Amino acid sequence: MTSGLLVHPERDQLTFATALTTLRKSRGYSARRLSLAAGLSESYVGKVESGRMEPSFRAFCAIAHVLQLNAREIHFLVLRECMASQP
């Protein structure tokens, strides 16, 4: 079940997942290292990155903090990913 934060849940969730994976890798984090630093399980991060789960607000904020980004920066990067993935 999604929290309603996404406009087009299935597409946006996959776009967020792609953006998160790209951000994580660009910051030099493995999924395990990100999960430990954010206080999340590695399984949870994996589900978010694969688009199988939308992150909770708390998880979103924890991930943003670890990656040293604010919500506005993540939103911009997800929007950029959306534009790049449109046909």
Protein backbone atom coordinates (compact mmCIF):
# COMPACT_ATOMS: atom_id res chain seq x y z
CA MET A 1 0.00 0.00 0.00
CA THR A 2 1.35 3.42 -0.89
CA SER A 3 1.09 6.53 1.26
CA GLY A 4 -0.35 8.68 -1.50
CA LEU A 5 2.79 10.75 -1.92
CA LEU A 6 3.23 9.66 -5.51
CA VAL A 7 1.13 11.00 -8.39
CA HIS A 8 1.42 7.91 -10.60
CA PRO A 9 2.38 5.30 -7.98
CA GLU A 10 3.73 2.50 -10.17
CA ARG A 11 5.69 4.72 -12.58
CA ASP A 12 6.83 7.21 -9.93
CA GLN A 13 7.88 4.45 -7.54
CA LEU A 14 10.13 2.94 -10.22
CA THR A 15 11.48 6.39 -11.08
CA PHE A 16 12.23 7.07 -7.42
CA ALA A 17 13.87 3.66 -7.17
CA THR A 18 16.09 4.39 -10.17
CA ALA A 19 16.99 7.84 -8.84
CA LEU A 20 17.77 6.45 -5.38
CA THR A 21 20.03 3.75 -6.78
CA THR A 22 21.84 6.31 -8.94
CA LEU A 23 22.25 8.70 -5.99
CA ARG A 24 23.46 5.96 -3.67
CA LYS A 25 26.07 4.76 -6.14
CA SER A 26 27.20 8.30 -7.01
CA ARG A 27 27.82 8.91 -3.30
CA GLY A 28 29.87 5.71 -3.04
CA TYR A 29 27.42 3.79 -0.85
CA SER A 30 26.61 0.13 -1.14
CA ALA A 31 23.01 -0.82 -0.32
CA ARG A 32 24.28 -2.36 2.93
CA ARG A 33 26.24 0.72 3.96
CA LEU A 34 23.27 2.99 3.19
CA SER A 35 20.89 0.78 5.15
CA LEU A 36 23.19 0.73 8.19
CA ALA A 37 23.79 4.48 8.11
CA ALA A 38 20.06 5.21 7.72
CA GLY A 39 18.97 2.73 10.40
CA LEU A 40 17.01 0.65 7.90
CA SER A 41 17.21 -3.02 7.03
CA GLU A 42 19.11 -3.96 3.90
CA SER A 43 16.00 -5.80 2.75
CA TYR A 44 13.92 -2.62 3.08
CA VAL A 45 16.40 -0.57 1.05
CA GLY A 46 16.46 -3.32 -1.56
CA LYS A 47 12.67 -3.26 -1.86
CA VAL A 48 12.65 0.53 -2.21
CA GLU A 49 15.43 0.45 -4.82
CA SER A 50 13.65 -2.25 -6.81
CA GLY A 51 10.40 -0.29 -6.79
CA ARG A 52 8.55 -2.97 -4.82
CA MET A 53 7.98 -0.62 -1.89
CA GLU A 54 7.50 3.11 -1.44
CA PRO A 55 9.65 4.46 1.41
CA SER A 56 7.96 5.79 4.50
CA PHE A 57 8.47 9.48 5.21
CA ARG A 58 10.86 8.59 8.04
CA ALA A 59 12.89 6.32 5.75
CA PHE A 60 12.89 8.96 3.00
CA CYS A 61 14.28 11.54 5.46
CA ALA A 62 16.88 9.11 6.83
CA ILE A 63 18.09 8.24 3.33
CA ALA A 64 18.22 11.91 2.34
CA HIS A 65 20.23 12.71 5.48
CA VAL A 66 22.76 9.94 4.82
CA LEU A 67 23.15 10.98 1.18
CA GLN A 68 23.49 14.62 2.31
CA LEU A 69 20.53 15.78 0.26
CA ASN A 70 17.41 17.70 1.19
CA ALA A 71 13.93 16.77 0.03
CA ARG A 72 13.95 19.46 -2.67
CA GLU A 73 17.14 18.07 -4.21
CA ILE A 74 15.76 14.53 -4.24
CA HIS A 75 12.49 15.77 -5.74
CA PHE A 76 14.44 17.54 -8.52
CA LEU A 77 16.49 14.41 -9.25
CA VAL A 78 13.36 12.24 -9.38
CA LEU A 79 11.67 14.73 -11.72
CA ARG A 80 14.76 14.69 -13.94
CA GLU A 81 14.61 10.89 -13.97
CA CYS A 82 10.90 11.07 -14.90
CA MET A 83 11.65 13.35 -17.84
CA ALA A 84 14.45 11.08 -19.02
CA SER A 85 12.24 7.98 -18.85
CA GLN A 86 9.30 9.41 -20.80
CA PRO A 87 8.97 8.21 -24.40
